[in-house]
Each structure stands twice: as C-alpha cells, then as structure tokens.
Amino acid sequence: MSVTVSVVSPSGRAGQDVELPDEIFSAPVNVPLIHQVVVAQEAAARQGTHATKTRGLVRGGGKKPYRQKGTGRARQGSLRAPQYAGGGTVHGPQPRSYVQRTPKKMKAAALRGALSDRAANGRVAVVSGFVDGDQPRTRDAMAVLRTAIGLLDAKLNARVLVVAQAEDEVTWKSLRNSPGVRLLATGQLNTYDVLASEHIVFTEAALSAFTGQPQAAAPAPAKARAAKASKPAAKSADAAESSGGEAPKAPRRRTTPKEGEEQ
C-alpha cells in the first residue's frame, strides 16, 4: 500500500501530493535486524580508549619487600603485585575497537524498515522549503516545521529529524541550533537517527535525491524561453553583419620559418 503525503510550502499551506516509493516506505519491518544494526552502530561510536596499568606498567616495586625465607610469611617479589594496594590490575580493560562488521544490504534493509514504520504511523512529512528567499530565518523555519508534523503548540515537544541536502545552506543555518531538531544530509540518513526521532521531515529536493525520483520542476515562463531561443540567432546575425554579410573566416596560423630558409 503506497503512502501519499502533502508537500508543505514555506507559507504553511499544503500543496501538491507526493507518493512515497513502496520499496522504501512500505517495506517489511524486521525488528531483530533493526536491533542488530542499531547495536552495531552504537558499538562503532565507542572510542575504545579505556586502559588500565598492569603490574609491569605501575611505577615502583623494583625492590623485593623482604627476604624469601625465614619470615613465616608468604613470599613476595614486588609491592606492585595485584594483591597490594597501588599494585597493577589483572585482566583490566585495554584499548580495543568495538566495530562490528555489518553488510551494506543489512543496513539498507534496516533503514527501509525504520522508515516504513514511521510512514505507516503518519510520521513522515515533506516540505518544499522552510524559508522564503535566501536569508535564513529560524522563526519561519520552525513555524513550517510545526505545520508539517501537525503540531499546534508553539513549543516543539517532539524530537524531529530533518533531512536536507548539504548544499541547502538556508535550511541548515535556520535549523541547526534549534533544540529538538536533528539535521542530516541525504547521504547521512541512518537507522539509529530515524528510530530516535518521532517525526521525519524531508525537503522535496532531499527526498528526490534519496529515492532517485526526479523532482517536479516548475516550467519556465514563455518570455524567458523566447529570449533564450532568439539569443543565438541574434549573435549569428551580428557576426554576419560585421563581416559584410559573409561568415567570419578563421584566422590563419602563423608559422615560424626554419633555420636556413628565406623569409
């Protein structure tokens, strides 16, 4: 079953409808697969720089505490042994990598399942833009965002993921400091951020780039098309007029005579 959403304009009005592809937004939701991918993503984010000192790394302990025999006590070779306070740690954590190998097809299937879950619950929206003009405005962008997710309150009380193209500087500058809003480029969309957000809002250009579907472009005005078509004709007419009605000839290539030849 295909999902259709209305494209919200910067004026806050719902425009034309856009149909979300079934292979991405109506895919089966595999919960164990999504869990495995999210665990792997969180594990890859760990730095793994933890370290403890063994008895060979702790400073001191070079001298034998007391003689080997005759004291009635257990023999000891160093005060930095693990049983002493200030001694080394046995089997403590050492620097390591927590990266888990996850095939690309598993990541893609988990992302499709997460997006399909959000789309099935009506939490995927599309906007044509957040701001009118070329100047970023956070207030106008937040108003469009609240309209897109159907929030009537003046305060954003839900975590929203906004997917925009990296070249869309107006959107990034308008929303990058807004609390509760997570901005991602089209190529950065991942399963964890989709599940961590209650609503997903795509810009129309980002949705077209993500799904591979062509974006509907507005037709150019008739005057602009006529001017563009007549521009090459006018240029060729001016060239012919300057050459006396004939087409301009290409200049001859100048050659340098070789040594010993007469000029």
C-alpha atoms as a PDB file:
ATOM      1  CA  MET A   1       0.000   0.000   0.000  1.00  0.00           C
ATOM      2  CA  SER A   2       1.575   3.246  -1.147  1.00  0.00           C
ATOM      3  CA  VAL A   3       1.866   6.245   1.171  1.00  0.00           C
ATOM      4  CA  THR A   4       0.946   9.720  -0.063  1.00  0.00           C
ATOM      5  CA  VAL A   5       1.833  12.928   1.785  1.00  0.00           C
ATOM      6  CA  SER A   6       1.135  16.575   1.043  1.00  0.00           C
ATOM      7  CA  VAL A   7       4.053  18.889   0.370  1.00  0.00           C
ATOM      8  CA  VAL A   8       4.019  21.842   2.778  1.00  0.00           C
ATOM      9  CA  SER A   9       5.164  25.179   1.356  1.00  0.00           C
ATOM     10  CA  PRO A  10       7.012  27.913   3.292  1.00  0.00           C
ATOM     11  CA  SER A  11       3.719  29.797   3.533  1.00  0.00           C
ATOM     12  CA  GLY A  12       2.368  26.923   5.628  1.00  0.00           C
ATOM     13  CA  ARG A  13      -0.155  25.688   3.100  1.00  0.00           C
ATOM     14  CA  ALA A  14      -0.377  22.141   1.805  1.00  0.00           C
ATOM     15  CA  GLY A  15       0.456  21.926  -1.874  1.00  0.00           C
ATOM     16  CA  GLN A  16       0.594  19.028  -4.286  1.00  0.00           C
ATOM     17  CA  ASP A  17       0.741  15.446  -3.056  1.00  0.00           C
ATOM     18  CA  VAL A  18       3.819  13.284  -3.432  1.00  0.00           C
ATOM     19  CA  GLU A  19       3.760   9.498  -3.397  1.00  0.00           C
ATOM     20  CA  LEU A  20       6.463   7.784  -1.364  1.00  0.00           C
ATOM     21  CA  PRO A  21       8.056   4.748  -3.069  1.00  0.00           C
ATOM     22  CA  ASP A  22       6.717   1.432  -1.812  1.00  0.00           C
ATOM     23  CA  GLU A  23      10.125  -0.265  -1.889  1.00  0.00           C
ATOM     24  CA  ILE A  24      11.431   2.219   0.703  1.00  0.00           C
ATOM     25  CA  PHE A  25       8.457   3.399   2.746  1.00  0.00           C
ATOM     26  CA  SER A  26       6.283   0.261   2.611  1.00  0.00           C
ATOM     27  CA  ALA A  27       8.944  -2.380   3.226  1.00  0.00           C
ATOM     28  CA  PRO A  28       8.567  -5.155   5.844  1.00  0.00           C
ATOM     29  CA  VAL A  29       9.777  -4.243   9.334  1.00  0.00           C
ATOM     30  CA  ASN A  30      12.299  -6.783  10.649  1.00  0.00           C
ATOM     31  CA  VAL A  31      12.720  -5.899  14.341  1.00  0.00           C
ATOM     32  CA  PRO A  32      15.651  -8.283  15.090  1.00  0.00           C
ATOM     33  CA  LEU A  33      17.519  -6.955  12.056  1.00  0.00           C
ATOM     34  CA  ILE A  34      16.924  -3.356  13.109  1.00  0.00           C
ATOM     35  CA  HIS A  35      18.134  -4.187  16.631  1.00  0.00           C
ATOM     36  CA  GLN A  36      21.323  -5.773  15.307  1.00  0.00           C
ATOM     37  CA  VAL A  37      22.110  -2.803  13.065  1.00  0.00           C
ATOM     38  CA  VAL A  38      21.464  -0.265  15.838  1.00  0.00           C
ATOM     39  CA  VAL A  39      23.658  -2.180  18.307  1.00  0.00           C
ATOM     40  CA  ALA A  40      26.444  -2.295  15.715  1.00  0.00           C
ATOM     41  CA  GLN A  41      26.092   1.434  15.066  1.00  0.00           C
ATOM     42  CA  GLU A  42      26.272   2.277  18.757  1.00  0.00           C
ATOM     43  CA  ALA A  43      29.257  -0.041  19.189  1.00  0.00           C
ATOM     44  CA  ALA A  44      31.088   1.663  16.329  1.00  0.00           C
ATOM     45  CA  ALA A  45      30.606   5.009  18.063  1.00  0.00           C
ATOM     46  CA  ARG A  46      32.582   3.847  21.120  1.00  0.00           C
ATOM     47  CA  GLN A  47      36.105   5.242  21.285  1.00  0.00           C
ATOM     48  CA  GLY A  48      37.617   2.206  22.966  1.00  0.00           C
ATOM     49  CA  THR A  49      40.414   4.244  24.565  1.00  0.00           C
ATOM     50  CA  HIS A  50      39.989   2.770  28.063  1.00  0.00           C
ATOM     51  CA  ALA A  51      43.158   1.342  29.620  1.00  0.00           C
ATOM     52  CA  THR A  52      44.439   0.119  32.984  1.00  0.00           C
ATOM     53  CA  LYS A  53      48.006  -0.497  34.139  1.00  0.00           C
ATOM     54  CA  THR A  54      49.268  -3.991  34.746  1.00  0.00           C
ATOM     55  CA  ARG A  55      51.968  -4.761  37.325  1.00  0.00           C
ATOM     56  CA  GLY A  56      54.581  -4.206  34.657  1.00  0.00           C
ATOM     57  CA  LEU A  57      53.330  -0.657  33.956  1.00  0.00           C
ATOM     58  CA  VAL A  58      52.873   0.605  37.531  1.00  0.00           C
ATOM     59  CA  ARG A  59      55.761   2.733  38.749  1.00  0.00           C
ATOM     60  CA  GLY A  60      57.903   1.337  41.569  1.00  0.00           C
ATOM     61  CA  GLY A  61      58.111  -2.124  43.062  1.00  0.00           C
ATOM     62  CA  GLY A  62      61.606  -2.887  41.883  1.00  0.00           C
ATOM     63  CA  LYS A  63      62.852  -3.926  45.306  1.00  0.00           C
ATOM     64  CA  LYS A  64      61.884  -7.190  46.977  1.00  0.00           C
ATOM     65  CA  PRO A  65      59.751  -6.327  50.091  1.00  0.00           C
ATOM     66  CA  TYR A  66      61.547  -8.775  52.348  1.00  0.00           C
ATOM     67  CA  ARG A  67      63.711 -11.832  52.107  1.00  0.00           C
ATOM     68  CA  GLN A  68      62.461 -15.000  50.516  1.00  0.00           C
ATOM     69  CA  LYS A  69      62.711 -17.351  53.538  1.00  0.00           C
ATOM     70  CA  GLY A  70      62.681 -17.224  57.304  1.00  0.00           C
ATOM     71  CA  THR A  71      59.912 -14.664  57.882  1.00  0.00           C
ATOM     72  CA  GLY A  72      56.985 -17.073  58.169  1.00  0.00           C
ATOM     73  CA  ARG A  73      55.092 -15.012  55.584  1.00  0.00           C
ATOM     74  CA  ALA A  74      54.218 -15.764  52.015  1.00  0.00           C
ATOM     75  CA  ARG A  75      56.975 -14.987  49.593  1.00  0.00           C
ATOM     76  CA  GLN A  76      56.625 -11.693  47.731  1.00  0.00           C
ATOM     77  CA  GLY A  77      58.626 -10.296  44.891  1.00  0.00           C
ATOM     78  CA  SER A  78      57.132  -6.808  44.438  1.00  0.00           C
ATOM     79  CA  LEU A  79      54.878  -4.325  46.188  1.00  0.00           C
ATOM     80  CA  ARG A  80      53.192  -3.632  42.846  1.00  0.00           C
ATOM     81  CA  ALA A  81      51.694  -7.116  42.645  1.00  0.00           C
ATOM     82  CA  PRO A  82      47.873  -7.161  42.182  1.00  0.00           C
ATOM     83  CA  GLN A  83      47.198  -8.159  45.815  1.00  0.00           C
ATOM     84  CA  TYR A  84      48.788  -4.952  47.125  1.00  0.00           C
ATOM     85  CA  ALA A  85      47.132  -1.546  47.285  1.00  0.00           C
ATOM     86  CA  GLY A  86      48.568   0.520  44.489  1.00  0.00           C
ATOM     87  CA  GLY A  87      49.503  -2.558  42.526  1.00  0.00           C
ATOM     88  CA  GLY A  88      48.665  -3.407  38.966  1.00  0.00           C
ATOM     89  CA  THR A  89      45.284  -4.523  37.626  1.00  0.00           C
ATOM     90  CA  VAL A  90      44.697  -8.054  36.442  1.00  0.00           C
ATOM     91  CA  HIS A  91      42.753  -8.554  33.213  1.00  0.00           C
ATOM     92  CA  GLY A  92      41.692  -4.906  33.121  1.00  0.00           C
ATOM     93  CA  PRO A  93      40.275  -3.176  30.037  1.00  0.00           C
ATOM     94  CA  GLN A  94      42.741  -2.344  27.297  1.00  0.00           C
ATOM     95  CA  PRO A  95      42.354  -0.178  24.156  1.00  0.00           C
ATOM     96  CA  ARG A  96      40.340  -2.016  21.539  1.00  0.00           C
ATOM     97  CA  SER A  97      37.957  -1.475  18.662  1.00  0.00           C
ATOM     98  CA  TYR A  98      34.261  -2.274  19.115  1.00  0.00           C
ATOM     99  CA  VAL A  99      33.434  -2.099  15.426  1.00  0.00           C
ATOM    100  CA  GLN A 100      31.107  -4.857  14.242  1.00  0.00           C
ATOM    101  CA  ARG A 101      31.029  -5.838  10.601  1.00  0.00           C
ATOM    102  CA  THR A 102      27.573  -5.193   9.170  1.00  0.00           C
ATOM    103  CA  PRO A 103      26.882  -5.862   5.466  1.00  0.00           C
ATOM    104  CA  LYS A 104      25.535  -2.982   3.426  1.00  0.00           C
ATOM    105  CA  LYS A 105      22.393  -4.897   2.497  1.00  0.00           C
ATOM    106  CA  MET A 106      21.550  -5.368   6.173  1.00  0.00           C
ATOM    107  CA  LYS A 107      21.973  -1.648   6.845  1.00  0.00           C
ATOM    108  CA  ALA A 108      19.790  -0.771   3.866  1.00  0.00           C
ATOM    109  CA  ALA A 109      17.073  -3.241   4.885  1.00  0.00           C
ATOM    110  CA  ALA A 110      17.063  -1.925   8.468  1.00  0.00           C
ATOM    111  CA  LEU A 111      16.792   1.677   7.241  1.00  0.00           C
ATOM    112  CA  ARG A 112      13.890   0.771   4.943  1.00  0.00           C
ATOM    113  CA  GLY A 113      12.144  -0.949   7.838  1.00  0.00           C
ATOM    114  CA  ALA A 114      12.589   2.048  10.151  1.00  0.00           C
ATOM    115  CA  LEU A 115      11.319   4.490   7.524  1.00  0.00           C
ATOM    116  CA  SER A 116       8.378   2.215   6.747  1.00  0.00           C
ATOM    117  CA  ASP A 117       7.440   2.114  10.428  1.00  0.00           C
ATOM    118  CA  ARG A 118       7.438   5.906  10.628  1.00  0.00           C
ATOM    119  CA  ALA A 119       5.490   6.241   7.374  1.00  0.00           C
ATOM    120  CA  ALA A 120       2.869   3.692   8.470  1.00  0.00           C
ATOM    121  CA  ASN A 121       2.170   5.813  11.562  1.00  0.00           C
ATOM    122  CA  GLY A 122       1.924   9.066   9.572  1.00  0.00           C
ATOM    123  CA  ARG A 123       5.196  10.497  10.862  1.00  0.00           C
ATOM    124  CA  VAL A 124       6.886  11.256   7.531  1.00  0.00           C
ATOM    125  CA  ALA A 125       6.392  14.728   6.058  1.00  0.00           C
ATOM    126  CA  VAL A 126       7.708  16.593   3.022  1.00  0.00           C
ATOM    127  CA  VAL A 127       8.236  20.348   2.652  1.00  0.00           C
ATOM    128  CA  SER A 128       9.137  22.305  -0.451  1.00  0.00           C
ATOM    129  CA  GLY A 129      11.255  24.643   1.656  1.00  0.00           C
ATOM    130  CA  PHE A 130      11.480  26.140   5.105  1.00  0.00           C
ATOM    131  CA  VAL A 131      12.177  29.786   4.300  1.00  0.00           C
ATOM    132  CA  ASP A 132      11.096  32.143   1.525  1.00  0.00           C
ATOM    133  CA  GLY A 133      14.091  33.871  -0.012  1.00  0.00           C
ATOM    134  CA  ASP A 134      17.818  33.477   0.523  1.00  0.00           C
ATOM    135  CA  GLN A 135      18.096  34.696   4.115  1.00  0.00           C
ATOM    136  CA  PRO A 136      17.911  32.098   6.934  1.00  0.00           C
ATOM    137  CA  ARG A 137      15.143  32.688   9.485  1.00  0.00           C
ATOM    138  CA  THR A 138      14.774  30.292  12.397  1.00  0.00           C
ATOM    139  CA  ARG A 139      11.325  31.539  13.412  1.00  0.00           C
ATOM    140  CA  ASP A 140       9.821  30.982   9.965  1.00  0.00           C
ATOM    141  CA  ALA A 141      11.541  27.602   9.588  1.00  0.00           C
ATOM    142  CA  MET A 142      10.227  26.379  12.946  1.00  0.00           C
ATOM    143  CA  ALA A 143       6.706  27.503  12.035  1.00  0.00           C
ATOM    144  CA  VAL A 144       6.857  25.464   8.815  1.00  0.00           C
ATOM    145  CA  LEU A 145       8.289  22.508  10.738  1.00  0.00           C
ATOM    146  CA  ARG A 146       5.456  22.550  13.280  1.00  0.00           C
ATOM    147  CA  THR A 147       2.911  22.749  10.471  1.00  0.00           C
ATOM    148  CA  ALA A 148       4.500  19.814   8.657  1.00  0.00           C
ATOM    149  CA  ILE A 149       4.351  17.485  11.667  1.00  0.00           C
ATOM    150  CA  GLY A 150       0.888  18.669  12.688  1.00  0.00           C
ATOM    151  CA  LEU A 151       1.940  20.299  15.946  1.00  0.00           C
ATOM    152  CA  LEU A 152      -0.366  23.090  17.065  1.00  0.00           C
ATOM    153  CA  ASP A 153       1.609  24.125  20.138  1.00  0.00           C
ATOM    154  CA  ALA A 154       4.081  26.956  19.925  1.00  0.00           C
ATOM    155  CA  LYS A 155       6.792  24.828  21.532  1.00  0.00           C
ATOM    156  CA  LEU A 156       8.341  21.810  19.852  1.00  0.00           C
ATOM    157  CA  ASN A 157       7.848  18.920  22.293  1.00  0.00           C
ATOM    158  CA  ALA A 158       8.910  16.064  19.981  1.00  0.00           C
ATOM    159  CA  ARG A 159      12.267  15.148  18.507  1.00  0.00           C
ATOM    160  CA  VAL A 160      12.265  15.773  14.758  1.00  0.00           C
ATOM    161  CA  LEU A 161      14.739  14.581  12.140  1.00  0.00           C
ATOM    162  CA  VAL A 162      15.112  16.934   9.175  1.00  0.00           C
ATOM    163  CA  VAL A 163      16.742  15.554   6.029  1.00  0.00           C
ATOM    164  CA  ALA A 164      18.082  18.241   3.685  1.00  0.00           C
ATOM    165  CA  GLN A 165      20.722  18.449   1.014  1.00  0.00           C
ATOM    166  CA  ALA A 166      24.200  19.525   2.053  1.00  0.00           C
ATOM    167  CA  GLU A 167      24.066  22.466  -0.389  1.00  0.00           C
ATOM    168  CA  ASP A 168      20.889  23.867   1.209  1.00  0.00           C
ATOM    169  CA  GLU A 169      22.615  26.443   3.402  1.00  0.00           C
ATOM    170  CA  VAL A 170      19.413  28.343   4.193  1.00  0.00           C
ATOM    171  CA  THR A 171      17.818  25.283   5.807  1.00  0.00           C
ATOM    172  CA  TRP A 172      20.968  24.332   7.712  1.00  0.00           C
ATOM    173  CA  LYS A 173      21.518  27.824   9.094  1.00  0.00           C
ATOM    174  CA  SER A 174      17.851  28.183  10.031  1.00  0.00           C
ATOM    175  CA  LEU A 175      17.505  24.908  11.977  1.00  0.00           C
ATOM    176  CA  ARG A 176      20.971  23.853  13.131  1.00  0.00           C
ATOM    177  CA  ASN A 177      20.654  25.498  16.573  1.00  0.00           C
ATOM    178  CA  SER A 178      17.024  24.605  17.237  1.00  0.00           C
ATOM    179  CA  PRO A 179      16.516  22.319  20.262  1.00  0.00           C
ATOM    180  CA  GLY A 180      14.877  19.007  19.447  1.00  0.00           C
ATOM    181  CA  VAL A 181      15.804  19.187  15.756  1.00  0.00           C
ATOM    182  CA  ARG A 182      18.370  16.826  14.242  1.00  0.00           C
ATOM    183  CA  LEU A 183      19.708  17.811  10.811  1.00  0.00           C
ATOM    184  CA  LEU A 184      21.171  15.237   8.445  1.00  0.00           C
ATOM    185  CA  ALA A 185      22.291  15.265   4.837  1.00  0.00           C
ATOM    186  CA  THR A 186      20.792  12.798   2.384  1.00  0.00           C
ATOM    187  CA  GLY A 187      23.813  10.501   2.469  1.00  0.00           C
ATOM    188  CA  GLN A 188      23.925  10.513   6.302  1.00  0.00           C
ATOM    189  CA  LEU A 189      20.462   9.074   6.905  1.00  0.00           C
ATOM    190  CA  ASN A 190      20.729   6.048   9.186  1.00  0.00           C
ATOM    191  CA  THR A 191      18.563   3.672  11.194  1.00  0.00           C
ATOM    192  CA  TYR A 192      19.514   4.954  14.651  1.00  0.00           C
ATOM    193  CA  ASP A 193      18.560   8.594  13.986  1.00  0.00           C
ATOM    194  CA  VAL A 194      15.284   7.522  12.371  1.00  0.00           C
ATOM    195  CA  LEU A 195      14.300   5.460  15.425  1.00  0.00           C
ATOM    196  CA  ALA A 196      15.490   8.146  17.848  1.00  0.00           C
ATOM    197  CA  SER A 197      13.164  10.719  16.232  1.00  0.00           C
ATOM    198  CA  GLU A 198       9.399  10.773  16.372  1.00  0.00           C
ATOM    199  CA  HIS A 199       8.945  12.588  13.059  1.00  0.00           C
ATOM    200  CA  ILE A 200      10.942  12.576   9.806  1.00  0.00           C
ATOM    201  CA  VAL A 201      10.736  15.664   7.597  1.00  0.00           C
ATOM    202  CA  PHE A 202      12.264  15.641   4.114  1.00  0.00           C
ATOM    203  CA  THR A 203      12.798  18.616   1.907  1.00  0.00           C
ATOM    204  CA  GLU A 204      11.483  17.997  -1.581  1.00  0.00           C
ATOM    205  CA  ALA A 205      14.988  18.091  -3.086  1.00  0.00           C
ATOM    206  CA  ALA A 206      16.369  15.720  -0.427  1.00  0.00           C
ATOM    207  CA  LEU A 207      13.543  13.232  -0.966  1.00  0.00           C
ATOM    208  CA  SER A 208      14.178  13.270  -4.709  1.00  0.00           C
ATOM    209  CA  ALA A 209      17.893  12.647  -4.172  1.00  0.00           C
ATOM    210  CA  PHE A 210      17.267   9.891  -1.612  1.00  0.00           C
ATOM    211  CA  THR A 211      14.662   7.952  -3.593  1.00  0.00           C
ATOM    212  CA  GLY A 212      16.173   8.596  -7.023  1.00  0.00           C
ATOM    213  CA  GLN A 213      12.930  10.008  -8.373  1.00  0.00           C
ATOM    214  CA  PRO A 214      13.086  13.186 -10.481  1.00  0.00           C
ATOM    215  CA  GLN A 215      11.873  16.322  -8.785  1.00  0.00           C
ATOM    216  CA  ALA A 216       8.969  18.125 -10.421  1.00  0.00           C
ATOM    217  CA  ALA A 217      10.389  21.384 -11.793  1.00  0.00           C
ATOM    218  CA  ALA A 218       8.275  24.441 -12.471  1.00  0.00           C
ATOM    219  CA  PRO A 219       8.002  25.323 -16.199  1.00  0.00           C
ATOM    220  CA  ALA A 220       9.962  28.352 -17.334  1.00  0.00           C
ATOM    221  CA  PRO A 221       7.980  31.476 -18.388  1.00  0.00           C
ATOM    222  CA  ALA A 222       7.166  31.872 -22.071  1.00  0.00           C
ATOM    223  CA  LYS A 223       9.103  35.170 -22.341  1.00  0.00           C
ATOM    224  CA  ALA A 224      12.261  33.597 -20.886  1.00  0.00           C
ATOM    225  CA  ARG A 225      12.042  30.675 -23.327  1.00  0.00           C
ATOM    226  CA  ALA A 226      11.568  33.028 -26.292  1.00  0.00           C
ATOM    227  CA  ALA A 227      14.506  35.211 -25.235  1.00  0.00           C
ATOM    228  CA  LYS A 228      16.750  32.165 -24.786  1.00  0.00           C
ATOM    229  CA  ALA A 229      15.817  30.819 -28.228  1.00  0.00           C
ATOM    230  CA  SER A 230      16.415  34.144 -30.003  1.00  0.00           C
ATOM    231  CA  LYS A 231      19.800  34.807 -28.349  1.00  0.00           C
ATOM    232  CA  PRO A 232      21.930  32.517 -30.606  1.00  0.00           C
ATOM    233  CA  ALA A 233      20.156  33.795 -33.715  1.00  0.00           C
ATOM    234  CA  ALA A 234      20.868  37.413 -32.803  1.00  0.00           C
ATOM    235  CA  LYS A 235      24.529  36.627 -32.124  1.00  0.00           C
ATOM    236  CA  SER A 236      24.988  34.972 -35.544  1.00  0.00           C
ATOM    237  CA  ALA A 237      23.252  37.900 -37.274  1.00  0.00           C
ATOM    238  CA  ASP A 238      25.621  40.409 -35.635  1.00  0.00           C
ATOM    239  CA  ALA A 239      28.635  38.374 -36.753  1.00  0.00           C
ATOM    240  CA  ALA A 240      27.407  38.247 -40.321  1.00  0.00           C
ATOM    241  CA  GLU A 241      26.711  41.981 -40.380  1.00  0.00           C
ATOM    242  CA  SER A 242      30.191  42.849 -39.115  1.00  0.00           C
ATOM    243  CA  SER A 243      31.808  40.758 -41.869  1.00  0.00           C
ATOM    244  CA  GLY A 244      29.838  42.350 -44.681  1.00  0.00           C
ATOM    245  CA  GLY A 245      27.206  39.686 -44.976  1.00  0.00           C
ATOM    246  CA  GLU A 246      29.662  36.794 -45.046  1.00  0.00           C
ATOM    247  CA  ALA A 247      30.518  34.391 -42.289  1.00  0.00           C
ATOM    248  CA  PRO A 248      33.718  35.331 -40.413  1.00  0.00           C
ATOM    249  CA  LYS A 249      36.779  33.389 -41.517  1.00  0.00           C
ATOM    250  CA  ALA A 250      39.104  31.679 -39.119  1.00  0.00           C
ATOM    251  CA  PRO A 251      42.457  33.460 -38.683  1.00  0.00           C
ATOM    252  CA  ARG A 252      45.470  31.884 -40.347  1.00  0.00           C
ATOM    253  CA  ARG A 253      48.001  30.168 -38.201  1.00  0.00           C
ATOM    254  CA  ARG A 254      51.329  31.937 -38.129  1.00  0.00           C
ATOM    255  CA  THR A 255      54.346  29.692 -38.721  1.00  0.00           C
ATOM    256  CA  THR A 256      57.975  30.451 -37.952  1.00  0.00           C
ATOM    257  CA  PRO A 257      60.461  29.656 -40.781  1.00  0.00           C
ATOM    258  CA  LYS A 258      63.135  27.115 -40.089  1.00  0.00           C
ATOM    259  CA  GLU A 259      66.834  27.980 -39.998  1.00  0.00           C
ATOM    260  CA  GLY A 260      68.372  28.341 -43.403  1.00  0.00           C
ATOM    261  CA  GLU A 261      65.106  29.147 -45.175  1.00  0.00           C
ATOM    262  CA  GLU A 262      64.393  32.521 -46.710  1.00  0.00           C
ATOM    263  CA  GLN A 263      61.688  34.597 -45.173  1.00  0.00           C
END
